[in-house]
Amino acid sequence: MIQLVLSSPFQSQDLEQALRYRDASDLLVLMQDAVVAAAAPVWCERLAGIPLYVMGEDLQARGLQSRIGMELDMAGLIGLIAEHGSPQTWAG
């Protein structure tokens, strides 16, 4: 399953909840404001070892660079959804 997180971990508990409820085989996708987690050292430590994808367009829009995970574009996200099924969305 894909856990899709949209909100900043500094403004909501969505990422925390996604991490709590995910199975070890779940993929985690950060998009919109959630991408700040991939640039924040405190969150990079917590996300290490998790299959993580970060929307590159959202990083670019915020002037950030991902320190962890694989950058993904919209076509890549659609491909993941086609392969793994509808995501569980966490959006405050």
N, C-alpha and C. Protein backbone atom coordinates (compact mmCIF):
# COMPACT_ATOMS: atom_id res chain seq x y z
N MET A 1 0.83 -1.18 0.00
CA MET A 1 0.00 0.00 0.00
C MET A 1 0.88 1.24 0.00
N ILE A 2 0.33 2.32 -0.52
CA ILE A 2 1.02 3.61 -0.52
C ILE A 2 0.40 4.47 0.56
N GLN A 3 1.25 5.03 1.41
CA GLN A 3 0.83 6.02 2.40
C GLN A 3 1.21 7.38 1.81
N LEU A 4 0.22 8.19 1.50
CA LEU A 4 0.42 9.48 0.83
C LEU A 4 0.18 10.60 1.83
N VAL A 5 1.22 11.35 2.16
CA VAL A 5 1.13 12.40 3.17
C VAL A 5 1.24 13.76 2.49
N LEU A 6 0.32 14.67 2.83
CA LEU A 6 0.25 15.98 2.18
C LEU A 6 0.64 17.15 3.08
N SER A 7 0.53 17.01 4.38
CA SER A 7 0.72 18.13 5.31
C SER A 7 2.11 18.13 5.93
N SER A 8 2.60 19.32 6.22
CA SER A 8 3.90 19.45 6.88
C SER A 8 3.88 18.77 8.24
N PRO A 9 4.93 18.02 8.56
CA PRO A 9 4.98 17.39 9.88
C PRO A 9 5.17 18.41 11.00
N PHE A 10 5.46 19.66 10.65
CA PHE A 10 5.61 20.71 11.64
C PHE A 10 4.29 21.43 11.92
N GLN A 11 3.24 21.06 11.14
CA GLN A 11 1.93 21.69 11.31
C GLN A 11 0.80 20.70 11.55
N SER A 12 1.05 19.42 11.40
CA SER A 12 0.01 18.41 11.62
C SER A 12 0.66 17.11 12.08
N GLN A 13 -0.16 16.19 12.50
CA GLN A 13 0.30 14.87 12.95
C GLN A 13 0.17 13.81 11.86
N ASP A 14 -0.12 14.23 10.61
CA ASP A 14 -0.38 13.27 9.53
C ASP A 14 0.79 12.32 9.29
N LEU A 15 2.00 12.85 9.19
CA LEU A 15 3.15 11.98 8.95
C LEU A 15 3.36 11.04 10.13
N GLU A 16 3.22 11.56 11.32
CA GLU A 16 3.35 10.73 12.53
C GLU A 16 2.35 9.57 12.50
N GLN A 17 1.11 9.87 12.13
CA GLN A 17 0.08 8.84 12.07
C GLN A 17 0.36 7.83 10.95
N ALA A 18 0.79 8.32 9.80
CA ALA A 18 1.12 7.41 8.69
C ALA A 18 2.22 6.45 9.10
N LEU A 19 3.22 6.94 9.80
CA LEU A 19 4.31 6.08 10.26
C LEU A 19 3.82 5.07 11.30
N ARG A 20 2.90 5.47 12.14
CA ARG A 20 2.38 4.59 13.17
C ARG A 20 1.55 3.45 12.58
N TYR A 21 0.79 3.74 11.53
CA TYR A 21 -0.14 2.74 10.98
C TYR A 21 0.37 1.98 9.76
N ARG A 22 1.51 2.35 9.23
CA ARG A 22 2.00 1.70 8.02
C ARG A 22 2.54 0.30 8.32
N ASP A 23 2.39 -0.58 7.33
CA ASP A 23 3.03 -1.89 7.39
C ASP A 23 4.46 -1.73 6.88
N ALA A 24 5.31 -2.66 7.22
CA ALA A 24 6.71 -2.59 6.80
C ALA A 24 6.86 -2.56 5.28
N SER A 25 5.91 -3.14 4.57
CA SER A 25 6.01 -3.18 3.10
C SER A 25 5.39 -1.96 2.42
N ASP A 26 4.75 -1.07 3.19
CA ASP A 26 4.11 0.11 2.60
C ASP A 26 5.14 1.11 2.09
N LEU A 27 4.79 1.77 1.01
CA LEU A 27 5.58 2.87 0.49
C LEU A 27 5.07 4.17 1.10
N LEU A 28 5.95 5.11 1.32
CA LEU A 28 5.56 6.41 1.84
C LEU A 28 5.86 7.45 0.77
N VAL A 29 4.86 8.26 0.43
CA VAL A 29 5.03 9.33 -0.55
C VAL A 29 4.74 10.65 0.13
N LEU A 30 5.69 11.58 0.05
CA LEU A 30 5.51 12.93 0.59
C LEU A 30 5.25 13.88 -0.58
N MET A 31 4.17 14.67 -0.46
CA MET A 31 3.89 15.66 -1.48
C MET A 31 3.31 16.90 -0.81
N GLN A 32 3.13 17.94 -1.60
CA GLN A 32 2.68 19.24 -1.11
C GLN A 32 3.57 19.66 0.05
N ASP A 33 3.00 20.14 1.17
CA ASP A 33 3.82 20.63 2.28
C ASP A 33 4.58 19.55 3.03
N ALA A 34 4.21 18.28 2.85
CA ALA A 34 4.89 17.19 3.56
C ALA A 34 6.34 17.02 3.09
N VAL A 35 6.69 17.55 1.91
CA VAL A 35 8.06 17.38 1.42
C VAL A 35 9.10 18.01 2.32
N VAL A 36 8.70 18.94 3.18
CA VAL A 36 9.69 19.56 4.08
C VAL A 36 10.34 18.51 4.98
N ALA A 37 9.64 17.41 5.25
CA ALA A 37 10.22 16.35 6.08
C ALA A 37 11.46 15.75 5.44
N ALA A 38 11.51 15.69 4.11
CA ALA A 38 12.65 15.10 3.40
C ALA A 38 13.86 16.02 3.40
N ALA A 39 13.67 17.26 3.84
CA ALA A 39 14.77 18.21 3.90
C ALA A 39 15.18 18.54 5.34
N ALA A 40 14.38 18.11 6.31
CA ALA A 40 14.63 18.42 7.72
C ALA A 40 15.40 17.29 8.39
N PRO A 41 16.59 17.58 8.93
CA PRO A 41 17.41 16.52 9.53
C PRO A 41 16.68 15.65 10.56
N VAL A 42 15.87 16.25 11.41
CA VAL A 42 15.17 15.48 12.44
C VAL A 42 14.24 14.45 11.82
N TRP A 43 13.59 14.79 10.72
CA TRP A 43 12.69 13.84 10.05
C TRP A 43 13.47 12.86 9.19
N CYS A 44 14.57 13.28 8.62
CA CYS A 44 15.38 12.36 7.82
C CYS A 44 15.83 11.17 8.66
N GLU A 45 16.20 11.43 9.90
CA GLU A 45 16.59 10.34 10.80
C GLU A 45 15.44 9.37 11.02
N ARG A 46 14.24 9.90 11.20
CA ARG A 46 13.07 9.05 11.47
C ARG A 46 12.64 8.28 10.23
N LEU A 47 12.89 8.84 9.05
CA LEU A 47 12.43 8.22 7.80
C LEU A 47 13.45 7.25 7.20
N ALA A 48 14.64 7.22 7.75
CA ALA A 48 15.69 6.34 7.23
C ALA A 48 15.22 4.88 7.26
N GLY A 49 15.45 4.18 6.16
CA GLY A 49 15.10 2.77 6.08
C GLY A 49 13.68 2.50 5.60
N ILE A 50 12.90 3.54 5.38
CA ILE A 50 11.52 3.39 4.90
C ILE A 50 11.51 3.62 3.39
N PRO A 51 10.79 2.80 2.63
CA PRO A 51 10.67 3.06 1.18
C PRO A 51 9.97 4.40 0.97
N LEU A 52 10.74 5.43 0.60
CA LEU A 52 10.26 6.81 0.60
C LEU A 52 10.39 7.45 -0.77
N TYR A 53 9.33 8.12 -1.20
CA TYR A 53 9.32 8.90 -2.43
C TYR A 53 8.90 10.32 -2.08
N VAL A 54 9.52 11.28 -2.76
CA VAL A 54 9.25 12.70 -2.50
C VAL A 54 8.96 13.38 -3.83
N MET A 55 7.85 14.10 -3.90
CA MET A 55 7.47 14.78 -5.13
C MET A 55 8.45 15.92 -5.44
N GLY A 56 9.19 15.75 -6.54
CA GLY A 56 10.20 16.72 -6.94
C GLY A 56 9.63 18.09 -7.24
N GLU A 57 8.45 18.15 -7.85
CA GLU A 57 7.83 19.44 -8.18
C GLU A 57 7.53 20.24 -6.91
N ASP A 58 7.11 19.54 -5.86
CA ASP A 58 6.80 20.22 -4.61
C ASP A 58 8.06 20.68 -3.89
N LEU A 59 9.12 19.90 -3.98
CA LEU A 59 10.41 20.35 -3.44
C LEU A 59 10.86 21.62 -4.14
N GLN A 60 10.81 21.59 -5.47
CA GLN A 60 11.26 22.72 -6.26
C GLN A 60 10.43 23.97 -5.96
N ALA A 61 9.12 23.81 -5.82
CA ALA A 61 8.24 24.95 -5.55
C ALA A 61 8.56 25.60 -4.21
N ARG A 62 9.13 24.83 -3.29
CA ARG A 62 9.46 25.35 -1.96
C ARG A 62 10.94 25.67 -1.81
N GLY A 63 11.71 25.52 -2.88
CA GLY A 63 13.13 25.83 -2.85
C GLY A 63 13.92 24.86 -1.97
N LEU A 64 13.47 23.60 -1.89
CA LEU A 64 14.11 22.61 -1.03
C LEU A 64 14.80 21.53 -1.85
N GLN A 65 15.73 20.86 -1.21
CA GLN A 65 16.37 19.67 -1.79
C GLN A 65 16.17 18.52 -0.83
N SER A 66 15.79 17.38 -1.38
CA SER A 66 15.56 16.21 -0.56
C SER A 66 16.89 15.65 -0.07
N ARG A 67 16.94 15.30 1.20
CA ARG A 67 18.12 14.67 1.78
C ARG A 67 17.94 13.17 1.90
N ILE A 68 16.73 12.70 1.60
CA ILE A 68 16.41 11.27 1.77
C ILE A 68 15.32 10.90 0.78
N GLY A 69 15.24 9.65 0.42
CA GLY A 69 14.19 9.17 -0.48
C GLY A 69 14.52 9.39 -1.94
N MET A 70 13.59 8.95 -2.78
CA MET A 70 13.73 9.11 -4.22
C MET A 70 12.77 10.17 -4.71
N GLU A 71 13.27 11.08 -5.55
CA GLU A 71 12.38 12.09 -6.11
C GLU A 71 11.47 11.46 -7.15
N LEU A 72 10.25 11.97 -7.19
CA LEU A 72 9.20 11.40 -8.01
C LEU A 72 8.48 12.54 -8.72
N ASP A 73 8.05 12.31 -9.97
CA ASP A 73 7.21 13.28 -10.66
C ASP A 73 5.80 12.71 -10.72
N MET A 74 4.86 13.47 -11.29
CA MET A 74 3.47 13.04 -11.31
C MET A 74 3.29 11.74 -12.08
N ALA A 75 4.00 11.59 -13.18
CA ALA A 75 3.92 10.34 -13.95
C ALA A 75 4.40 9.16 -13.11
N GLY A 76 5.45 9.37 -12.32
CA GLY A 76 5.95 8.32 -11.45
C GLY A 76 4.95 7.97 -10.36
N LEU A 77 4.26 8.98 -9.82
CA LEU A 77 3.24 8.73 -8.80
C LEU A 77 2.10 7.91 -9.39
N ILE A 78 1.68 8.26 -10.58
CA ILE A 78 0.60 7.51 -11.24
C ILE A 78 1.04 6.07 -11.47
N GLY A 79 2.29 5.87 -11.84
CA GLY A 79 2.82 4.53 -12.02
C GLY A 79 2.81 3.73 -10.73
N LEU A 80 3.20 4.37 -9.61
CA LEU A 80 3.17 3.68 -8.32
C LEU A 80 1.74 3.28 -7.94
N ILE A 81 0.79 4.19 -8.18
CA ILE A 81 -0.60 3.91 -7.85
C ILE A 81 -1.13 2.78 -8.73
N ALA A 82 -0.76 2.78 -10.00
CA ALA A 82 -1.18 1.70 -10.91
C ALA A 82 -0.63 0.36 -10.44
N GLU A 83 0.57 0.37 -9.91
CA GLU A 83 1.21 -0.87 -9.47
C GLU A 83 0.73 -1.34 -8.09
N HIS A 84 0.52 -0.39 -7.16
CA HIS A 84 0.22 -0.74 -5.77
C HIS A 84 -1.22 -0.50 -5.34
N GLY A 85 -2.02 0.14 -6.17
CA GLY A 85 -3.41 0.41 -5.81
C GLY A 85 -3.59 1.77 -5.16
N SER A 86 -4.85 2.08 -4.89
CA SER A 86 -5.19 3.39 -4.31
C SER A 86 -4.46 3.64 -3.00
N PRO A 87 -3.95 4.85 -2.83
CA PRO A 87 -3.20 5.16 -1.60
C PRO A 87 -4.12 5.48 -0.43
N GLN A 88 -3.55 5.33 0.76
CA GLN A 88 -4.16 5.86 1.97
C GLN A 88 -3.65 7.29 2.06
N THR A 89 -4.55 8.27 2.00
CA THR A 89 -4.14 9.67 2.00
C THR A 89 -4.29 10.28 3.38
N TRP A 90 -3.23 10.96 3.81
CA TRP A 90 -3.19 11.67 5.08
C TRP A 90 -3.12 13.15 4.76
N ALA A 91 -4.22 13.87 4.98
CA ALA A 91 -4.29 15.28 4.59
C ALA A 91 -5.05 16.09 5.63
N GLY A 92 -4.48 16.18 6.81
CA GLY A 92 -5.03 16.99 7.90
C GLY A 92 -6.47 17.20 7.83
